[in-house]
Amino acid sequence: MSTPQTPITILGAGIAGLTLGRCLRYHGIPTILYEKRSKEYTHKYGITLQPSTYQPLLKILDLDEPTFRKITAIDGNGHVDSYTSFTPKEEVSKCVRVHRGKFEQMLREGLEIKWGSQIESVKKDGQSYRIKVKNVTAFDTRALVATDGTHSIVRSTLSDSKLKVLPYVAFYGRRRISQATYEEIFKGHFRKSLVSHERKGPTLLQLSLSDITPEYVEVNWIYSRPSSGASDELLNPERSPDSANVIPEALFEEVSRLKDLSSPYAEIFGSQSIKNDRILHWLMRSSLLANNDLQRLAKENVLLIGDAAHTEPIIGGNGANLAVDDAISLGNWTARDPKFAGVGSWYGTRHALWEKSADLGIEVISQLHSDGVGLERDSKKVHGVL
């Protein structure tokens, strides 16, 4: 009788961790995922997936595309236009706008996930790593994949990599409207795409739908602009991750000065009801772990993918698609090399792709906020990123 394979430890059950778990399960490799959030937590916003991202996932999930869209797409279809996807125009019709919560719920199926597992420390202990989980006895693992996101404890503990905050002010809000209001004001606007944009000088406004039910519709909005400098009270780059819901009054004063908004932007940004929305302060963070650090950790069976290895700004970046692509690529590699013996060469290829995507993300967010520059992305530049 063969010895059962030791499960690979995955820290983080977001998009990258869940996708990797499903890919390894598909290849018969066991995993255990550790996630600090509770099982009940659900992301309630949309993300746009490119065909090069989700189509390879369909085989792993044993789904056809219509079923995938029905399960995950915000409206059962998920149409977006050429501006809102990181893909050439000729492939835009194949992109899909999914509800992140529904997407992650689907990916969870069949995986062993330890919910409420907040990682406090990761320390080298001989040939293994000792993982300390809050209020739980520490455990050792010989194979570790960090998918624990932008604020990765693995990256911060085992490398000197730092997050960079880009000079852009960004706030995200969510509003629930009645079906009657949606039918009267919003439905026609979103007929061709679930995401739309309007620009006032260098200020970018975005509206999107995140959920549609018989009773209500969830509308998400983003207000963003370049920072005015060190004295800009709406940037606050040093704020803690836990204070994202602390919203300064200056935001509402600034939004109230927007003029000549078209519908439905006027209905969202042109009224005092914005104060009643659930609002978060977003920082446009960027980072890329050095290839030599990745190679060093890989020799010790510690791998990082997704935002833990490379963080891109939420606006203009391509983080969700890269997270899925990282996981599928690493899953396929691990099926051939379960002991990670040659994973250094995998990193060599991926790091070059991450560098290209990081540079493009910074270029795109700059273009999106440049007064007088068209909103259309250059498809020749984005083609080939994935």
Protein backbone atom coordinates (compact mmCIF):
# COMPACT_ATOMS: atom_id res chain seq x y z
CA MET A 1 0.00 0.00 0.00
CA SER A 2 1.37 3.41 -0.97
CA THR A 3 1.96 6.04 1.72
CA PRO A 4 -0.68 8.82 1.66
CA GLN A 5 0.73 12.08 0.30
CA THR A 6 1.22 14.84 2.89
CA PRO A 7 -1.16 17.73 2.15
CA ILE A 8 0.34 20.95 0.82
CA THR A 9 -0.34 23.88 3.16
CA ILE A 10 -1.97 26.88 1.48
CA LEU A 11 -2.19 30.10 3.49
CA GLY A 12 -5.17 32.12 2.26
CA ALA A 13 -8.49 31.06 0.75
CA GLY A 14 -9.03 33.92 -1.65
CA ILE A 15 -9.05 33.60 -5.42
CA ALA A 16 -5.45 32.39 -5.76
CA GLY A 17 -5.60 29.91 -2.86
CA LEU A 18 -8.95 28.43 -3.82
CA THR A 19 -8.00 28.09 -7.48
CA LEU A 20 -4.73 26.41 -6.54
CA GLY A 21 -6.58 24.08 -4.17
CA ARG A 22 -8.99 23.04 -6.92
CA CYS A 23 -6.18 22.58 -9.45
CA LEU A 24 -4.17 20.38 -7.09
CA ARG A 25 -7.31 18.42 -6.18
CA TYR A 26 -7.89 17.84 -9.91
CA HIS A 27 -4.38 16.36 -10.10
CA GLY A 28 -4.94 14.19 -7.01
CA ILE A 29 -2.75 16.26 -4.68
CA PRO A 30 -4.24 16.95 -1.22
CA THR A 31 -4.20 20.41 0.36
CA ILE A 32 -5.28 22.17 3.54
CA LEU A 33 -6.17 25.86 3.28
CA TYR A 34 -5.97 28.26 6.24
CA GLU A 35 -8.10 31.41 6.05
CA LYS A 36 -8.44 34.17 8.65
CA ARG A 37 -11.99 35.10 7.59
CA SER A 38 -15.07 33.24 8.76
CA LYS A 39 -16.88 30.90 6.38
CA GLU A 40 -19.83 33.32 6.28
CA TYR A 41 -17.76 36.20 4.88
CA THR A 42 -18.54 37.00 1.25
CA HIS A 43 -17.05 39.55 -1.13
CA LYS A 44 -19.91 41.51 -2.68
CA TYR A 45 -18.44 43.05 -5.79
CA GLY A 46 -17.73 42.11 -9.38
CA ILE A 47 -14.49 41.24 -11.15
CA THR A 48 -13.89 40.89 -14.87
CA LEU A 49 -12.32 37.60 -15.97
CA GLN A 50 -10.62 37.29 -19.33
CA PRO A 51 -11.20 34.24 -21.54
CA SER A 52 -7.53 33.26 -21.16
CA THR A 53 -8.16 33.15 -17.40
CA TYR A 54 -11.43 31.32 -16.93
CA GLN A 55 -11.51 29.00 -19.96
CA PRO A 56 -8.61 26.81 -18.72
CA LEU A 57 -10.43 26.66 -15.37
CA LEU A 58 -13.55 25.10 -16.90
CA LYS A 59 -11.88 21.71 -17.40
CA ILE A 60 -10.66 21.67 -13.81
CA LEU A 61 -14.14 22.55 -12.52
CA ASP A 62 -15.84 20.15 -14.96
CA LEU A 63 -18.14 22.89 -16.22
CA ASP A 64 -19.14 24.18 -19.62
CA GLU A 65 -19.06 27.93 -20.21
CA PRO A 66 -22.85 28.57 -20.10
CA THR A 67 -23.06 26.80 -16.73
CA PHE A 68 -20.05 28.73 -15.42
CA ARG A 69 -21.66 32.02 -16.42
CA LYS A 70 -25.01 31.02 -14.93
CA ILE A 71 -23.39 30.21 -11.58
CA THR A 72 -20.97 33.12 -11.26
CA ALA A 73 -21.99 36.00 -13.57
CA ILE A 74 -23.79 38.91 -11.95
CA ASP A 75 -26.68 38.79 -14.40
CA GLY A 76 -26.22 35.21 -15.59
CA ASN A 77 -24.20 36.42 -18.57
CA GLY A 78 -21.59 38.97 -17.47
CA HIS A 79 -21.16 41.20 -20.52
CA VAL A 80 -18.52 43.96 -20.38
CA ASP A 81 -17.30 46.44 -22.99
CA SER A 82 -13.84 46.97 -24.47
CA TYR A 83 -12.75 49.51 -21.89
CA THR A 84 -13.53 47.49 -18.79
CA SER A 85 -11.50 44.39 -19.63
CA PHE A 86 -7.74 43.83 -19.78
CA THR A 87 -7.96 42.15 -23.15
CA PRO A 88 -7.88 42.95 -26.89
CA LYS A 89 -11.12 44.29 -28.40
CA GLU A 90 -11.65 41.23 -30.56
CA GLU A 91 -11.88 39.02 -27.44
CA VAL A 92 -14.02 41.31 -25.27
CA SER A 93 -17.25 39.48 -26.02
CA LYS A 94 -15.77 36.42 -24.30
CA CYS A 95 -14.96 38.25 -21.05
CA VAL A 96 -17.29 37.69 -18.12
CA ARG A 97 -18.12 39.90 -15.15
CA VAL A 98 -18.50 37.57 -12.17
CA HIS A 99 -19.70 38.12 -8.62
CA ARG A 100 -16.56 37.48 -6.58
CA GLY A 101 -18.48 35.91 -3.70
CA LYS A 102 -20.27 33.45 -6.00
CA PHE A 103 -17.02 32.69 -7.82
CA GLU A 104 -15.20 31.90 -4.59
CA GLN A 105 -18.14 29.88 -3.27
CA MET A 106 -17.94 27.68 -6.35
CA LEU A 107 -14.18 27.25 -5.98
CA ARG A 108 -14.54 26.13 -2.33
CA GLU A 109 -16.36 22.92 -3.24
CA GLY A 110 -14.47 19.82 -2.13
CA LEU A 111 -11.64 21.69 -0.38
CA GLU A 112 -10.54 21.36 3.24
CA ILE A 113 -10.49 24.89 4.63
CA LYS A 114 -9.67 25.88 8.21
CA TRP A 115 -11.78 29.01 8.63
CA GLY A 116 -10.98 31.62 11.27
CA SER A 117 -7.28 30.74 11.14
CA GLN A 118 -5.41 34.00 11.59
CA ILE A 119 -1.71 33.38 11.00
CA GLU A 120 0.40 35.09 13.67
CA SER A 121 3.87 33.94 12.63
CA VAL A 122 5.82 31.82 10.14
CA LYS A 123 9.24 30.67 11.31
CA LYS A 124 11.92 28.34 9.91
CA ASP A 125 12.36 25.28 12.14
CA GLY A 126 14.99 22.91 10.78
CA GLN A 127 13.73 21.40 7.52
CA SER A 128 10.19 22.65 8.16
CA TYR A 129 8.31 25.86 8.82
CA ARG A 130 6.35 26.36 12.01
CA ILE A 131 3.02 28.12 11.51
CA LYS A 132 1.40 29.76 14.52
CA VAL A 133 -2.35 30.28 14.24
CA LYS A 134 -4.07 32.58 16.73
CA ASN A 135 -5.61 30.62 19.63
CA VAL A 136 -4.49 27.32 18.04
CA THR A 137 -1.46 25.11 18.66
CA ALA A 138 1.33 25.74 16.16
CA PHE A 139 1.95 23.17 13.42
CA ASP A 140 4.83 22.30 11.11
CA THR A 141 4.76 21.99 7.34
CA ARG A 142 7.41 21.04 4.80
CA ALA A 143 5.57 22.52 1.79
CA LEU A 144 3.94 25.94 2.00
CA VAL A 145 2.23 28.12 -0.61
CA ALA A 146 1.40 31.67 0.47
CA THR A 147 -1.67 33.13 -1.20
CA ASP A 148 -2.47 35.41 1.74
CA GLY A 149 -2.86 38.57 -0.28
CA THR A 150 -1.61 42.13 -0.25
CA HIS A 151 -0.70 42.08 3.44
CA SER A 152 0.95 38.65 3.29
CA ILE A 153 2.55 37.68 6.58
CA VAL A 154 4.79 35.25 4.71
CA ARG A 155 6.16 37.99 2.45
CA SER A 156 6.63 40.47 5.31
CA THR A 157 8.27 37.86 7.57
CA LEU A 158 10.55 36.09 5.11
CA SER A 159 11.57 38.96 2.82
CA ASP A 160 12.34 42.68 2.89
CA SER A 161 9.75 43.50 0.23
CA LYS A 162 7.63 46.58 0.99
CA LEU A 163 4.30 47.77 -0.35
CA LYS A 164 4.35 51.00 -2.34
CA VAL A 165 1.30 53.28 -2.25
CA LEU A 166 0.69 54.99 -5.59
CA PRO A 167 -0.36 58.67 -5.52
CA TYR A 168 -4.07 58.21 -6.23
CA VAL A 169 -7.10 58.93 -4.08
CA ALA A 170 -9.72 56.17 -4.35
CA PHE A 171 -13.00 55.44 -2.57
CA TYR A 172 -15.34 52.53 -3.19
CA GLY A 173 -19.04 52.55 -2.28
CA ARG A 174 -22.01 50.21 -2.48
CA ARG A 175 -25.68 51.16 -2.67
CA ARG A 176 -28.77 49.00 -2.71
CA ILE A 177 -31.61 50.27 -4.89
CA SER A 178 -35.11 48.96 -5.49
CA GLN A 179 -36.02 47.06 -8.62
CA ALA A 180 -38.35 49.93 -9.54
CA THR A 181 -35.49 52.46 -9.37
CA TYR A 182 -33.24 50.13 -11.32
CA GLU A 183 -35.81 49.70 -14.08
CA GLU A 184 -36.49 53.44 -14.28
CA ILE A 185 -32.98 54.90 -14.10
CA PHE A 186 -30.21 52.28 -14.30
CA LYS A 187 -31.23 49.36 -16.48
CA GLY A 188 -30.86 51.09 -19.84
CA HIS A 189 -27.44 52.40 -18.85
CA PHE A 190 -26.13 48.89 -18.10
CA ARG A 191 -27.77 47.15 -21.05
CA LYS A 192 -24.51 46.58 -22.94
CA SER A 193 -22.02 46.39 -20.10
CA LEU A 194 -22.13 45.78 -16.34
CA VAL A 195 -19.41 48.42 -15.84
CA SER A 196 -19.28 52.03 -17.03
CA HIS A 197 -17.05 55.07 -16.54
CA GLU A 198 -17.27 58.84 -16.73
CA ARG A 199 -14.43 61.30 -16.31
CA LYS A 200 -14.44 64.86 -15.06
CA GLY A 201 -10.98 66.20 -15.81
CA PRO A 202 -8.54 63.86 -14.03
CA THR A 203 -11.29 62.51 -11.76
CA LEU A 204 -12.57 59.08 -12.74
CA LEU A 205 -16.05 57.86 -11.80
CA GLN A 206 -17.03 54.22 -12.19
CA LEU A 207 -20.38 52.49 -11.79
CA SER A 208 -20.98 48.76 -11.84
CA LEU A 209 -23.61 46.22 -10.88
CA SER A 210 -22.64 43.61 -8.32
CA ASP A 211 -25.92 41.80 -7.66
CA ILE A 212 -29.38 41.60 -9.23
CA THR A 213 -32.30 40.03 -7.35
CA PRO A 214 -36.09 40.20 -7.78
CA GLU A 215 -36.25 42.63 -4.84
CA TYR A 216 -33.18 44.84 -5.19
CA VAL A 217 -30.03 45.62 -7.18
CA GLU A 218 -26.57 46.39 -5.77
CA VAL A 219 -24.76 49.28 -7.46
CA ASN A 220 -21.04 49.78 -6.77
CA TRP A 221 -19.23 53.04 -7.39
CA ILE A 222 -15.62 54.24 -7.41
CA TYR A 223 -14.43 57.81 -7.05
CA SER A 224 -10.73 58.27 -7.87
CA ARG A 225 -8.27 60.97 -8.86
CA PRO A 226 -4.53 61.73 -8.71
CA SER A 227 -3.32 62.92 -5.32
CA SER A 228 -2.66 66.65 -4.98
CA GLY A 229 0.45 65.99 -2.90
CA ALA A 230 1.61 65.37 0.65
CA SER A 231 -1.11 67.60 2.11
CA ASP A 232 -3.96 65.72 0.39
CA GLU A 233 -6.16 64.64 3.31
CA LEU A 234 -8.01 62.08 1.18
CA LEU A 235 -4.91 59.99 0.42
CA ASN A 236 -3.64 59.03 3.91
CA PRO A 237 -1.10 56.42 2.68
CA GLU A 238 -0.03 55.46 6.22
CA ARG A 239 -3.48 54.39 7.42
CA SER A 240 -3.83 50.90 8.85
CA PRO A 241 -5.71 48.19 6.93
CA ASP A 242 -8.33 48.17 9.70
CA SER A 243 -9.25 51.84 9.18
CA ALA A 244 -10.41 51.55 5.56
CA ASN A 245 -13.98 52.35 6.67
CA VAL A 246 -13.00 55.68 8.27
CA ILE A 247 -14.26 58.18 5.70
CA PRO A 248 -13.32 61.87 6.02
CA GLU A 249 -16.01 64.52 5.60
CA ALA A 250 -13.77 66.11 2.96
CA LEU A 251 -14.77 63.33 0.53
CA PHE A 252 -18.44 64.36 0.59
CA GLU A 253 -17.51 68.02 0.23
CA GLU A 254 -15.35 67.21 -2.79
CA VAL A 255 -17.98 64.99 -4.45
CA SER A 256 -20.62 67.71 -3.96
CA ARG A 257 -18.59 69.98 -6.25
CA LEU A 258 -18.97 67.64 -9.25
CA LYS A 259 -21.00 69.38 -11.98
CA ASP A 260 -22.91 68.38 -15.12
CA LEU A 261 -23.05 64.67 -14.35
CA SER A 262 -24.99 62.47 -16.74
CA SER A 263 -27.51 59.90 -15.56
CA PRO A 264 -27.12 57.67 -13.58
CA TYR A 265 -23.91 59.26 -12.26
CA ALA A 266 -25.96 62.23 -11.08
CA GLU A 267 -28.22 59.93 -9.07
CA ILE A 268 -25.23 58.30 -7.33
CA PHE A 269 -22.78 61.17 -6.87
CA GLY A 270 -25.10 64.14 -7.04
CA SER A 271 -27.07 63.64 -3.83
CA GLN A 272 -26.46 63.55 -0.11
CA SER A 273 -27.55 59.89 -0.07
CA ILE A 274 -23.94 58.95 -0.81
CA LYS A 275 -23.29 59.44 2.90
CA ASN A 276 -25.54 56.46 3.61
CA ASP A 277 -23.59 54.13 1.31
CA ARG A 278 -21.13 51.56 2.62
CA ILE A 279 -17.83 53.22 1.71
CA LEU A 280 -14.25 52.02 1.88
CA HIS A 281 -11.04 53.99 1.43
CA TRP A 282 -8.84 52.18 -1.06
CA LEU A 283 -5.08 52.57 -1.34
CA MET A 284 -3.58 51.81 -4.73
CA ARG A 285 -0.77 49.52 -3.63
CA SER A 286 1.96 47.99 -5.75
CA SER A 287 4.74 45.51 -5.01
CA LEU A 288 6.78 42.80 -6.70
CA LEU A 289 8.88 40.33 -4.74
CA ALA A 290 12.39 40.10 -6.14
CA ASN A 291 13.13 37.01 -8.21
CA ASN A 292 16.15 36.14 -6.07
CA ASP A 293 13.92 36.14 -2.95
CA LEU A 294 11.41 33.87 -4.69
CA GLN A 295 14.19 31.52 -5.77
CA ARG A 296 15.67 31.45 -2.26
CA LEU A 297 12.33 30.62 -0.65
CA ALA A 298 11.46 28.06 -3.33
CA LYS A 299 14.56 26.06 -2.36
CA GLU A 300 12.97 25.77 1.09
CA ASN A 301 9.59 24.70 -0.36
CA VAL A 302 7.99 28.09 0.33
CA LEU A 303 6.15 29.54 -2.67
CA LEU A 304 4.23 32.79 -3.08
CA ILE A 305 1.66 33.58 -5.79
CA GLY A 306 -1.08 36.11 -6.42
CA ASP A 307 -1.05 39.35 -4.43
CA ALA A 308 1.34 37.79 -1.91
CA ALA A 309 4.04 37.80 -4.60
CA HIS A 310 2.95 40.71 -6.79
CA THR A 311 0.42 43.36 -5.83
CA GLU A 312 -1.20 45.53 -8.49
CA PRO A 313 -3.45 48.58 -7.99
CA ILE A 314 -7.17 47.74 -7.83
CA ILE A 315 -7.86 50.38 -10.49
CA GLY A 316 -5.96 49.62 -13.69
CA GLY A 317 -4.36 46.43 -12.39
CA ASN A 318 -4.95 42.84 -13.39
CA GLY A 319 -4.63 41.12 -10.02
CA ALA A 320 -7.62 38.77 -10.10
CA ASN A 321 -6.78 37.36 -13.53
CA LEU A 322 -3.13 36.91 -12.62
CA ALA A 323 -4.14 35.17 -9.37
CA VAL A 324 -6.16 32.56 -11.28
CA ASP A 325 -3.48 32.19 -13.92
CA ASP A 326 -0.73 31.83 -11.28
CA ALA A 327 -2.70 29.09 -9.53
CA ILE A 328 -3.47 27.09 -12.67
CA SER A 329 0.11 27.36 -13.88
CA LEU A 330 1.58 26.34 -10.51
CA GLY A 331 -0.97 23.54 -10.12
CA ASN A 332 0.00 22.06 -13.47
CA TRP A 333 3.69 22.40 -12.61
CA THR A 334 3.23 20.76 -9.21
CA ALA A 335 1.46 17.79 -10.81
CA ARG A 336 4.70 17.11 -12.70
CA ASP A 337 7.02 18.16 -9.87
CA PRO A 338 5.23 17.54 -6.53
CA LYS A 339 8.41 18.13 -4.51
CA PHE A 340 9.02 21.57 -6.11
CA ALA A 341 12.49 20.43 -7.14
CA GLY A 342 12.59 22.56 -10.29
CA VAL A 343 10.14 25.28 -9.40
CA GLY A 344 12.88 27.90 -9.73
CA SER A 345 12.58 27.78 -13.51
CA TRP A 346 8.80 28.24 -13.18
CA TYR A 347 9.44 31.40 -11.18
CA GLY A 348 11.84 32.66 -13.81
CA THR A 349 9.09 32.62 -16.42
CA ARG A 350 6.34 33.93 -14.12
CA HIS A 351 8.43 36.79 -12.75
CA ALA A 352 8.98 38.20 -16.22
CA LEU A 353 5.21 38.15 -16.78
CA TRP A 354 4.57 39.79 -13.39
CA GLU A 355 7.04 42.57 -14.20
CA LYS A 356 5.31 43.26 -17.50
CA SER A 357 1.86 43.31 -15.91
CA ALA A 358 3.02 45.54 -13.03
CA ASP A 359 4.45 48.11 -15.43
CA LEU A 360 1.30 48.04 -17.53
CA GLY A 361 -0.95 48.44 -14.47
CA ILE A 362 0.88 51.59 -13.40
CA GLU A 363 0.71 52.93 -16.96
CA VAL A 364 -3.02 52.21 -17.21
CA ILE A 365 -3.98 53.87 -13.91
CA SER A 366 -2.04 56.94 -15.03
CA GLN A 367 -3.84 57.03 -18.39
CA LEU A 368 -7.23 56.56 -16.75
CA HIS A 369 -6.70 59.74 -14.73
CA SER A 370 -5.02 61.83 -17.43
CA ASP A 371 -7.23 64.68 -18.58
CA GLY A 372 -7.56 64.67 -22.35
CA VAL A 373 -6.44 61.05 -22.81
CA GLY A 374 -9.02 58.69 -24.26
CA LEU A 375 -10.46 55.99 -22.03
CA GLU A 376 -9.84 53.18 -24.52
CA ARG A 377 -6.86 50.99 -23.66
CA ASP A 378 -4.31 50.11 -26.30
CA SER A 379 -5.16 46.48 -27.06
CA LYS A 380 -1.70 45.93 -28.57
CA LYS A 381 -0.16 46.71 -25.18
CA VAL A 382 -2.45 44.50 -23.12
CA HIS A 383 -2.39 41.60 -25.56
CA GLY A 384 -0.06 38.90 -24.35
CA VAL A 385 0.04 39.93 -20.69
CA LEU A 386 -1.68 36.61 -20.01
